[in-house]
C-alpha atoms as a PDB file:
ATOM      1  CA  UNK A   1       8.926 -12.211  10.176  1.00  0.00           C
ATOM      2  CA  UNK A   2       6.103 -13.850  12.142  1.00  0.00           C
ATOM      3  CA  UNK A   3       2.550 -13.028  11.062  1.00  0.00           C
ATOM      4  CA  UNK A   4       0.081 -12.503  13.911  1.00  0.00           C
ATOM      5  CA  UNK A   5      -3.240 -13.997  12.799  1.00  0.00           C
ATOM      6  CA  UNK A   6      -6.870 -14.236  13.809  1.00  0.00           C
ATOM      7  CA  UNK A   7      -9.448 -16.700  12.471  1.00  0.00           C
ATOM      8  CA  UNK A   8     -13.064 -15.563  12.108  1.00  0.00           C
ATOM      9  CA  UNK A   9     -15.813 -18.095  11.333  1.00  0.00           C
ATOM     10  CA  UNK A  10     -19.227 -18.925  12.777  1.00  0.00           C
ATOM     11  CA  UNK A  11     -18.498 -22.677  12.467  1.00  0.00           C
ATOM     12  CA  UNK A  12     -16.338 -24.116  15.282  1.00  0.00           C
ATOM     13  CA  UNK A  13     -15.169 -26.988  13.055  1.00  0.00           C
ATOM     14  CA  UNK A  14     -13.858 -24.524  10.463  1.00  0.00           C
ATOM     15  CA  UNK A  15     -11.976 -22.694  13.228  1.00  0.00           C
ATOM     16  CA  UNK A  16     -10.497 -26.009  14.414  1.00  0.00           C
ATOM     17  CA  UNK A  17      -9.114 -26.648  10.927  1.00  0.00           C
ATOM     18  CA  UNK A  18      -7.587 -23.165  10.610  1.00  0.00           C
ATOM     19  CA  UNK A  19      -6.060 -23.422  14.089  1.00  0.00           C
ATOM     20  CA  UNK A  20      -4.553 -26.810  13.229  1.00  0.00           C
ATOM     21  CA  UNK A  21      -3.133 -25.522   9.932  1.00  0.00           C
ATOM     22  CA  UNK A  22      -1.672 -22.396  11.555  1.00  0.00           C
ATOM     23  CA  UNK A  23       0.078 -24.535  14.191  1.00  0.00           C
ATOM     24  CA  UNK A  24       1.954 -26.326  11.397  1.00  0.00           C
ATOM     25  CA  UNK A  25       3.378 -23.160   9.823  1.00  0.00           C
ATOM     26  CA  UNK A  26       6.432 -21.717  11.644  1.00  0.00           C
ATOM     27  CA  UNK A  27       5.888 -18.114  10.534  1.00  0.00           C
ATOM     28  CA  UNK A  28       2.247 -17.957  11.717  1.00  0.00           C
ATOM     29  CA  UNK A  29       1.022 -17.163  15.233  1.00  0.00           C
ATOM     30  CA  UNK A  30      -2.701 -17.481  16.014  1.00  0.00           C
ATOM     31  CA  UNK A  31      -3.578 -14.644  18.359  1.00  0.00           C
ATOM     32  CA  UNK A  32      -7.326 -15.284  18.460  1.00  0.00           C
ATOM     33  CA  UNK A  33     -10.043 -17.540  17.057  1.00  0.00           C
ATOM     34  CA  UNK A  34     -13.567 -16.234  17.263  1.00  0.00           C
ATOM     35  CA  UNK A  35     -17.102 -16.791  15.999  1.00  0.00           C
ATOM     36  CA  UNK A  36     -17.885 -13.122  16.625  1.00  0.00           C
ATOM     37  CA  UNK A  37     -17.121 -10.880  13.619  1.00  0.00           C
ATOM     38  CA  UNK A  38     -17.616  -7.693  15.654  1.00  0.00           C
ATOM     39  CA  UNK A  39     -15.004  -8.811  18.187  1.00  0.00           C
ATOM     40  CA  UNK A  40     -12.611  -9.619  15.346  1.00  0.00           C
ATOM     41  CA  UNK A  41     -13.188  -6.231  13.735  1.00  0.00           C
ATOM     42  CA  UNK A  42     -12.286  -4.474  16.979  1.00  0.00           C
ATOM     43  CA  UNK A  43      -9.070  -6.493  17.214  1.00  0.00           C
ATOM     44  CA  UNK A  44      -8.074  -5.578  13.661  1.00  0.00           C
ATOM     45  CA  UNK A  45      -8.859  -1.894  14.117  1.00  0.00           C
ATOM     46  CA  UNK A  46      -6.819  -1.823  17.325  1.00  0.00           C
ATOM     47  CA  UNK A  47      -3.751  -2.762  15.259  1.00  0.00           C
ATOM     48  CA  UNK A  48      -1.095  -5.432  15.610  1.00  0.00           C
ATOM     49  CA  UNK A  49      -2.871  -8.059  13.485  1.00  0.00           C
ATOM     50  CA  UNK A  50      -1.069  -8.987  10.267  1.00  0.00           C
ATOM     51  CA  UNK A  51      -3.392 -11.580   8.742  1.00  0.00           C
ATOM     52  CA  UNK A  52      -7.098 -12.420   9.048  1.00  0.00           C
ATOM     53  CA  UNK A  53      -8.687 -15.709   7.980  1.00  0.00           C
ATOM     54  CA  UNK A  54     -12.221 -14.545   7.292  1.00  0.00           C
ATOM     55  CA  UNK A  55     -15.420 -16.427   6.517  1.00  0.00           C
ATOM     56  CA  UNK A  56     -17.967 -14.650   4.307  1.00  0.00           C
ATOM     57  CA  UNK A  57     -21.349 -15.983   5.436  1.00  0.00           C
ATOM     58  CA  UNK A  58     -21.626 -14.906   9.075  1.00  0.00           C
ATOM     59  CA  UNK A  59     -24.442 -13.435  11.175  1.00  0.00           C
ATOM     60  CA  UNK A  60     -24.436  -9.747  12.135  1.00  0.00           C
ATOM     61  CA  UNK A  61     -21.538  -8.874   9.826  1.00  0.00           C
ATOM     62  CA  UNK A  62     -20.640 -10.622   6.572  1.00  0.00           C
ATOM     63  CA  UNK A  63     -17.050 -11.024   5.456  1.00  0.00           C
ATOM     64  CA  UNK A  64     -17.564  -8.507   2.629  1.00  0.00           C
ATOM     65  CA  UNK A  65     -18.969  -5.936   5.076  1.00  0.00           C
ATOM     66  CA  UNK A  66     -16.036  -6.666   7.395  1.00  0.00           C
ATOM     67  CA  UNK A  67     -13.558  -5.892   4.601  1.00  0.00           C
ATOM     68  CA  UNK A  68     -15.253  -2.627   3.698  1.00  0.00           C
ATOM     69  CA  UNK A  69     -15.197  -1.421   7.312  1.00  0.00           C
ATOM     70  CA  UNK A  70     -11.733  -2.663   8.284  1.00  0.00           C
ATOM     71  CA  UNK A  71     -10.104  -1.328   5.094  1.00  0.00           C
ATOM     72  CA  UNK A  72      -6.392  -2.187   4.794  1.00  0.00           C
ATOM     73  CA  UNK A  73      -5.613  -2.648   8.483  1.00  0.00           C
ATOM     74  CA  UNK A  74      -4.341  -6.172   7.758  1.00  0.00           C
ATOM     75  CA  UNK A  75      -4.020  -8.765   4.998  1.00  0.00           C
ATOM     76  CA  UNK A  76      -7.040 -11.001   4.421  1.00  0.00           C
ATOM     77  CA  UNK A  77      -7.553 -14.568   3.244  1.00  0.00           C
ATOM     78  CA  UNK A  78     -11.200 -15.447   2.711  1.00  0.00           C
ATOM     79  CA  UNK A  79     -12.332 -18.936   3.730  1.00  0.00           C
ATOM     80  CA  UNK A  80     -15.752 -19.867   2.348  1.00  0.00           C
ATOM     81  CA  UNK A  81     -17.805 -22.538   0.662  1.00  0.00           C
ATOM     82  CA  UNK A  82     -19.203 -20.035  -1.849  1.00  0.00           C
ATOM     83  CA  UNK A  83     -17.219 -19.163  -4.978  1.00  0.00           C
ATOM     84  CA  UNK A  84     -19.581 -16.431  -6.212  1.00  0.00           C
ATOM     85  CA  UNK A  85     -17.984 -13.833  -3.933  1.00  0.00           C
ATOM     86  CA  UNK A  86     -14.517 -14.177  -5.448  1.00  0.00           C
ATOM     87  CA  UNK A  87     -14.729 -11.224  -7.871  1.00  0.00           C
ATOM     88  CA  UNK A  88     -16.135  -8.800  -5.307  1.00  0.00           C
ATOM     89  CA  UNK A  89     -13.544  -9.830  -2.729  1.00  0.00           C
ATOM     90  CA  UNK A  90     -10.631  -9.198  -5.100  1.00  0.00           C
ATOM     91  CA  UNK A  91     -11.999  -5.713  -5.741  1.00  0.00           C
ATOM     92  CA  UNK A  92     -11.500  -5.235  -1.995  1.00  0.00           C
ATOM     93  CA  UNK A  93      -7.847  -6.307  -2.328  1.00  0.00           C
ATOM     94  CA  UNK A  94      -7.860  -9.610  -0.438  1.00  0.00           C
ATOM     95  CA  UNK A  95      -4.684 -11.685  -0.528  1.00  0.00           C
ATOM     96  CA  UNK A  96      -6.347 -14.975  -1.420  1.00  0.00           C
ATOM     97  CA  UNK A  97      -9.655 -16.850  -1.572  1.00  0.00           C
ATOM     98  CA  UNK A  98      -9.826 -20.384  -0.175  1.00  0.00           C
ATOM     99  CA  UNK A  99     -12.794 -22.626  -0.918  1.00  0.00           C
ATOM    100  CA  UNK A 100     -13.899 -25.080   1.775  1.00  0.00           C
ATOM    101  CA  UNK A 101     -12.979 -27.823   2.381  1.00  0.00           C
ATOM    102  CA  UNK A 102      -9.486 -26.328   2.455  1.00  0.00           C
ATOM    103  CA  UNK A 103      -6.519 -28.552   1.709  1.00  0.00           C
ATOM    104  CA  UNK A 104      -3.360 -27.834   3.687  1.00  0.00           C
ATOM    105  CA  UNK A 105      -1.163 -27.406   0.607  1.00  0.00           C
ATOM    106  CA  UNK A 106      -3.537 -24.740  -0.738  1.00  0.00           C
ATOM    107  CA  UNK A 107      -3.594 -23.071   2.693  1.00  0.00           C
ATOM    108  CA  UNK A 108       0.202 -23.018   2.855  1.00  0.00           C
ATOM    109  CA  UNK A 109       0.482 -21.514  -0.621  1.00  0.00           C
ATOM    110  CA  UNK A 110      -1.863 -18.678   0.386  1.00  0.00           C
ATOM    111  CA  UNK A 111      -0.081 -17.804   3.639  1.00  0.00           C
ATOM    112  CA  UNK A 112       3.351 -18.105   2.044  1.00  0.00           C
ATOM    113  CA  UNK A 113       2.320 -15.489  -0.509  1.00  0.00           C
ATOM    114  CA  UNK A 114       1.315 -13.091   2.280  1.00  0.00           C
ATOM    115  CA  UNK A 115       4.503 -13.822   4.208  1.00  0.00           C
ATOM    116  CA  UNK A 116       6.745 -13.181   1.191  1.00  0.00           C
ATOM    117  CA  UNK A 117       4.943  -9.950   0.389  1.00  0.00           C
ATOM    118  CA  UNK A 118       5.280  -8.696   3.976  1.00  0.00           C
ATOM    119  CA  UNK A 119       9.003  -9.514   4.005  1.00  0.00           C
ATOM    120  CA  UNK A 120       9.566  -7.700   0.708  1.00  0.00           C
ATOM    121  CA  UNK A 121       7.649  -4.683   1.946  1.00  0.00           C
ATOM    122  CA  UNK A 122       9.703  -4.613   5.136  1.00  0.00           C
ATOM    123  CA  UNK A 123      12.886  -4.857   3.092  1.00  0.00           C
ATOM    124  CA  UNK A 124      11.702  -2.045   0.828  1.00  0.00           C
ATOM    125  CA  UNK A 125      10.901   0.181   3.810  1.00  0.00           C
ATOM    126  CA  UNK A 126      14.435  -0.287   5.062  1.00  0.00           C
ATOM    127  CA  UNK A 127      16.174   0.456   1.777  1.00  0.00           C
ATOM    128  CA  UNK A 128      14.635   3.725   0.654  1.00  0.00           C
ATOM    129  CA  UNK A 129      16.843   6.583   1.698  1.00  0.00           C
ATOM    130  CA  UNK A 130      16.272  10.272   1.170  1.00  0.00           C
ATOM    131  CA  UNK A 131      19.359  12.410   0.700  1.00  0.00           C
ATOM    132  CA  UNK A 132      19.854  16.085   0.066  1.00  0.00           C
ATOM    133  CA  UNK A 133      23.234  17.615  -0.683  1.00  0.00           C
ATOM    134  CA  UNK A 134      24.181  20.715   1.305  1.00  0.00           C
ATOM    135  CA  UNK A 135      24.086  24.025  -0.466  1.00  0.00           C
ATOM    136  CA  UNK A 136      27.461  24.988  -1.931  1.00  0.00           C
ATOM    137  CA  UNK A 137      29.233  28.138  -0.779  1.00  0.00           C
ATOM    138  CA  UNK A 138      28.423  31.331  -2.708  1.00  0.00           C
ATOM    139  CA  UNK A 139      29.859  31.110  -6.210  1.00  0.00           C
ATOM    140  CA  UNK A 140      31.648  33.865  -8.086  1.00  0.00           C
ATOM    141  CA  UNK A 141      29.473  36.141 -10.177  1.00  0.00           C
ATOM    142  CA  UNK A 142      30.510  34.375 -13.379  1.00  0.00           C
ATOM    143  CA  UNK A 143      29.812  30.864 -12.031  1.00  0.00           C
ATOM    144  CA  UNK A 144      26.826  29.121 -10.527  1.00  0.00           C
ATOM    145  CA  UNK A 145      26.220  25.609  -9.314  1.00  0.00           C
ATOM    146  CA  UNK A 146      22.811  23.992  -8.934  1.00  0.00           C
ATOM    147  CA  UNK A 147      21.972  22.187  -5.688  1.00  0.00           C
ATOM    148  CA  UNK A 148      21.059  18.561  -6.478  1.00  0.00           C
ATOM    149  CA  UNK A 149      18.313  16.817  -4.523  1.00  0.00           C
ATOM    150  CA  UNK A 150      17.777  13.108  -4.943  1.00  0.00           C
ATOM    151  CA  UNK A 151      16.500   9.887  -3.430  1.00  0.00           C
ATOM    152  CA  UNK A 152      17.702   6.300  -3.580  1.00  0.00           C
ATOM    153  CA  UNK A 153      15.163   3.525  -4.220  1.00  0.00           C
ATOM    154  CA  UNK A 154      15.583  -0.224  -4.538  1.00  0.00           C
ATOM    155  CA  UNK A 155      14.553  -1.356  -8.019  1.00  0.00           C
ATOM    156  CA  UNK A 156      14.885  -5.018  -8.992  1.00  0.00           C
ATOM    157  CA  UNK A 157      18.413  -6.030  -7.867  1.00  0.00           C
ATOM    158  CA  UNK A 158      19.974  -2.597  -7.566  1.00  0.00           C
ATOM    159  CA  UNK A 159      19.654   0.651  -5.641  1.00  0.00           C
ATOM    160  CA  UNK A 160      18.924   3.479  -8.039  1.00  0.00           C
ATOM    161  CA  UNK A 161      19.473   7.181  -7.633  1.00  0.00           C
ATOM    162  CA  UNK A 162      16.657   9.437  -8.855  1.00  0.00           C
ATOM    163  CA  UNK A 163      16.963  13.199  -9.159  1.00  0.00           C
ATOM    164  CA  UNK A 164      13.938  14.861  -7.565  1.00  0.00           C
ATOM    165  CA  UNK A 165      13.849  17.464 -10.302  1.00  0.00           C
ATOM    166  CA  UNK A 166      13.340  14.679 -12.873  1.00  0.00           C
ATOM    167  CA  UNK A 167      10.250  13.238 -11.190  1.00  0.00           C
ATOM    168  CA  UNK A 168       6.969  14.003 -12.945  1.00  0.00           C
ATOM    169  CA  UNK A 169       4.578  11.978 -10.800  1.00  0.00           C
ATOM    170  CA  UNK A 170       4.350   8.801  -8.737  1.00  0.00           C
ATOM    171  CA  UNK A 171       1.648   6.161  -9.042  1.00  0.00           C
ATOM    172  CA  UNK A 172       0.755   3.661  -6.333  1.00  0.00           C
ATOM    173  CA  UNK A 173       0.174   0.022  -7.332  1.00  0.00           C
ATOM    174  CA  UNK A 174      -0.832  -1.949  -4.213  1.00  0.00           C
ATOM    175  CA  UNK A 175       2.522  -2.832  -2.573  1.00  0.00           C
ATOM    176  CA  UNK A 176       4.560  -1.171  -5.328  1.00  0.00           C
ATOM    177  CA  UNK A 177       4.941   2.336  -6.673  1.00  0.00           C
ATOM    178  CA  UNK A 178       5.945   3.540 -10.127  1.00  0.00           C
ATOM    179  CA  UNK A 179       8.103   6.670 -10.272  1.00  0.00           C
ATOM    180  CA  UNK A 180       7.735   8.418 -13.617  1.00  0.00           C
ATOM    181  CA  UNK A 181      10.612  10.698 -14.566  1.00  0.00           C
ATOM    182  CA  UNK A 182      11.468  12.658 -17.679  1.00  0.00           C
ATOM    183  CA  UNK A 183      13.262   9.657 -19.149  1.00  0.00           C
ATOM    184  CA  UNK A 184      12.071   6.479 -17.477  1.00  0.00           C
ATOM    185  CA  UNK A 185       9.695   4.614 -15.192  1.00  0.00           C
ATOM    186  CA  UNK A 186      11.175   3.092 -12.029  1.00  0.00           C
ATOM    187  CA  UNK A 187       9.202   0.456 -10.098  1.00  0.00           C
ATOM    188  CA  UNK A 188      10.044  -0.109  -6.445  1.00  0.00           C
ATOM    189  CA  UNK A 189       8.547  -2.095  -3.565  1.00  0.00           C
ATOM    190  CA  UNK A 190       7.257   0.712  -1.382  1.00  0.00           C
ATOM    191  CA  UNK A 191       4.049   2.274  -0.107  1.00  0.00           C
ATOM    192  CA  UNK A 192       2.668   5.696  -0.953  1.00  0.00           C
ATOM    193  CA  UNK A 193       2.600   6.991   2.615  1.00  0.00           C
ATOM    194  CA  UNK A 194       6.321   6.427   3.159  1.00  0.00           C
ATOM    195  CA  UNK A 195       7.188   7.929  -0.213  1.00  0.00           C
ATOM    196  CA  UNK A 196       5.021  10.955   0.544  1.00  0.00           C
ATOM    197  CA  UNK A 197       6.891  11.442   3.829  1.00  0.00           C
ATOM    198  CA  UNK A 198      10.238  11.128   2.033  1.00  0.00           C
ATOM    199  CA  UNK A 199       9.629  13.744  -0.661  1.00  0.00           C
ATOM    200  CA  UNK A 200       9.978  17.480   0.144  1.00  0.00           C
ATOM    201  CA  UNK A 201       6.472  18.872   0.656  1.00  0.00           C
ATOM    202  CA  UNK A 202       7.416  22.183  -0.942  1.00  0.00           C
ATOM    203  CA  UNK A 203       7.808  20.461  -4.307  1.00  0.00           C
ATOM    204  CA  UNK A 204       5.481  17.461  -4.178  1.00  0.00           C
ATOM    205  CA  UNK A 205       1.871  16.915  -3.155  1.00  0.00           C
ATOM    206  CA  UNK A 206      -0.425  13.933  -2.954  1.00  0.00           C
ATOM    207  CA  UNK A 207      -3.552  14.542  -5.024  1.00  0.00           C
ATOM    208  CA  UNK A 208      -5.148  11.083  -4.929  1.00  0.00           C
ATOM    209  CA  UNK A 209      -4.749   7.858  -2.946  1.00  0.00           C
ATOM    210  CA  UNK A 210      -2.794   6.537  -5.938  1.00  0.00           C
ATOM    211  CA  UNK A 211      -0.896   9.644  -7.100  1.00  0.00           C
ATOM    212  CA  UNK A 212       1.778  12.078  -5.905  1.00  0.00           C
ATOM    213  CA  UNK A 213       2.757  14.827  -8.332  1.00  0.00           C
ATOM    214  CA  UNK A 214       5.554  17.357  -8.749  1.00  0.00           C
ATOM    215  CA  UNK A 215       3.933  20.792  -8.542  1.00  0.00           C
ATOM    216  CA  UNK A 216       6.290  22.387 -11.046  1.00  0.00           C
ATOM    217  CA  UNK A 217       5.483  19.719 -13.675  1.00  0.00           C
ATOM    218  CA  UNK A 218       1.777  20.583 -13.879  1.00  0.00           C
ATOM    219  CA  UNK A 219       0.850  21.652 -17.391  1.00  0.00           C
ATOM    220  CA  UNK A 220      -2.842  22.352 -16.847  1.00  0.00           C
ATOM    221  CA  UNK A 221      -5.735  21.744 -14.453  1.00  0.00           C
ATOM    222  CA  UNK A 222      -9.259  21.176 -15.692  1.00  0.00           C
ATOM    223  CA  UNK A 223     -11.990  20.575 -13.123  1.00  0.00           C
ATOM    224  CA  UNK A 224     -10.751  17.574 -11.146  1.00  0.00           C
ATOM    225  CA  UNK A 225      -8.003  16.513 -13.537  1.00  0.00           C
ATOM    226  CA  UNK A 226      -4.329  17.421 -13.758  1.00  0.00           C
ATOM    227  CA  UNK A 227      -2.315  17.151 -16.974  1.00  0.00           C
ATOM    228  CA  UNK A 228       1.386  16.256 -16.775  1.00  0.00           C
ATOM    229  CA  UNK A 229       3.193  15.186 -19.955  1.00  0.00           C
ATOM    230  CA  UNK A 230       0.028  13.815 -21.615  1.00  0.00           C
ATOM    231  CA  UNK A 231      -0.926  11.929 -18.439  1.00  0.00           C
ATOM    232  CA  UNK A 232      -4.315  12.821 -16.932  1.00  0.00           C
ATOM    233  CA  UNK A 233      -4.244  12.468 -13.144  1.00  0.00           C
ATOM    234  CA  UNK A 234      -7.452  12.616 -11.068  1.00  0.00           C
ATOM    235  CA  UNK A 235      -7.774  14.788  -7.964  1.00  0.00           C
ATOM    236  CA  UNK A 236      -9.328  12.776  -5.118  1.00  0.00           C
ATOM    237  CA  UNK A 237     -12.005  14.323  -2.924  1.00  0.00           C
ATOM    238  CA  UNK A 238      -9.859  13.827   0.189  1.00  0.00           C
ATOM    239  CA  UNK A 239      -6.984  15.850  -1.295  1.00  0.00           C
ATOM    240  CA  UNK A 240      -8.901  18.475  -3.286  1.00  0.00           C
ATOM    241  CA  UNK A 241      -8.988  21.371  -0.783  1.00  0.00           C
ATOM    242  CA  UNK A 242      -5.311  21.135   0.156  1.00  0.00           C
ATOM    243  CA  UNK A 243      -4.269  20.862  -3.488  1.00  0.00           C
ATOM    244  CA  UNK A 244      -6.138  23.981  -4.611  1.00  0.00           C
ATOM    245  CA  UNK A 245      -4.924  25.869  -1.543  1.00  0.00           C
ATOM    246  CA  UNK A 246      -1.347  25.070  -2.548  1.00  0.00           C
ATOM    247  CA  UNK A 247      -2.056  26.056  -6.146  1.00  0.00           C
ATOM    248  CA  UNK A 248      -3.450  29.411  -5.045  1.00  0.00           C
ATOM    249  CA  UNK A 249      -0.404  30.038  -2.896  1.00  0.00           C
ATOM    250  CA  UNK A 250       1.806  29.323  -5.915  1.00  0.00           C
ATOM    251  CA  UNK A 251      -0.157  31.922  -7.888  1.00  0.00           C
ATOM    252  CA  UNK A 252      -0.514  29.553 -10.823  1.00  0.00           C
END
C-alpha cells in the first residue's frame, strides 16, 4: 500500500529535507509540499491524504490547532524543534513526533510504523465477515430450534466465530476493538464504524465514540451511564437522543 503524503512547514529548508526523505521510501508518495497550513487543511479535509508531516510552530494556524480541526482524516507525524508539545500531541493521537534536525533512520522508523498499521487495518477490514443463518422450517410442537446469528473476526493468527447473543459490549481502542462476551474478551484489528455497520441495528447500538452495546444486556441506566455486567459505560452527547429514543421504544 502506497501512502499519499503532504508536508506542511513554514521553512522551505525543512520541506526540502522531508521531500528528499520521502523520495527514498518506496511506499511513500509526496502529493504536495506547502508552507500554507490552511491550504494543507483543505487538502486533508477533501480526503485522499494518508499521511501528513506537520510542523507545529506556523503562522495563521499552529500544528496543534490543525490537528484539532482536521480530526482523524489522516495519520500525522509532527516535525518540530520543540519537545514541549509532545504530550499534548499524543493526546490528539498523532502517529509519531520527530525532533529537528531529523535523521533519516528516525524518519524511516516513523513512516514504517504508519505503513504497517495501515496495512494491518486494511487486512482487518477485508477479513471481518458477518453471517446469519437462515431461519429453519417450522418445527413440530414438541421441538424448537434457535436461530444462531454470528460474526467472524480475525484475532491474532486465527479467524474466530462469535455468537451475537454472547456479546455484551464492544470497546474501541484506536485501531483495535475489544469484543466482550459472556465468557471472554476478543481483540481484533478493526474500526468501530465498520463493526457498527456489521452488527444488526435491532440488537446493538452505539452509545459513545468508544462503545457499542447489546441492548438486551443492559442491566440499568443511571443518568448518562449504562451498567452491563459490572461495567459502567458512558453515554456520549452525540448518541444520547437516539439511545433514549430506542430505549423508550423497547419499553424498558
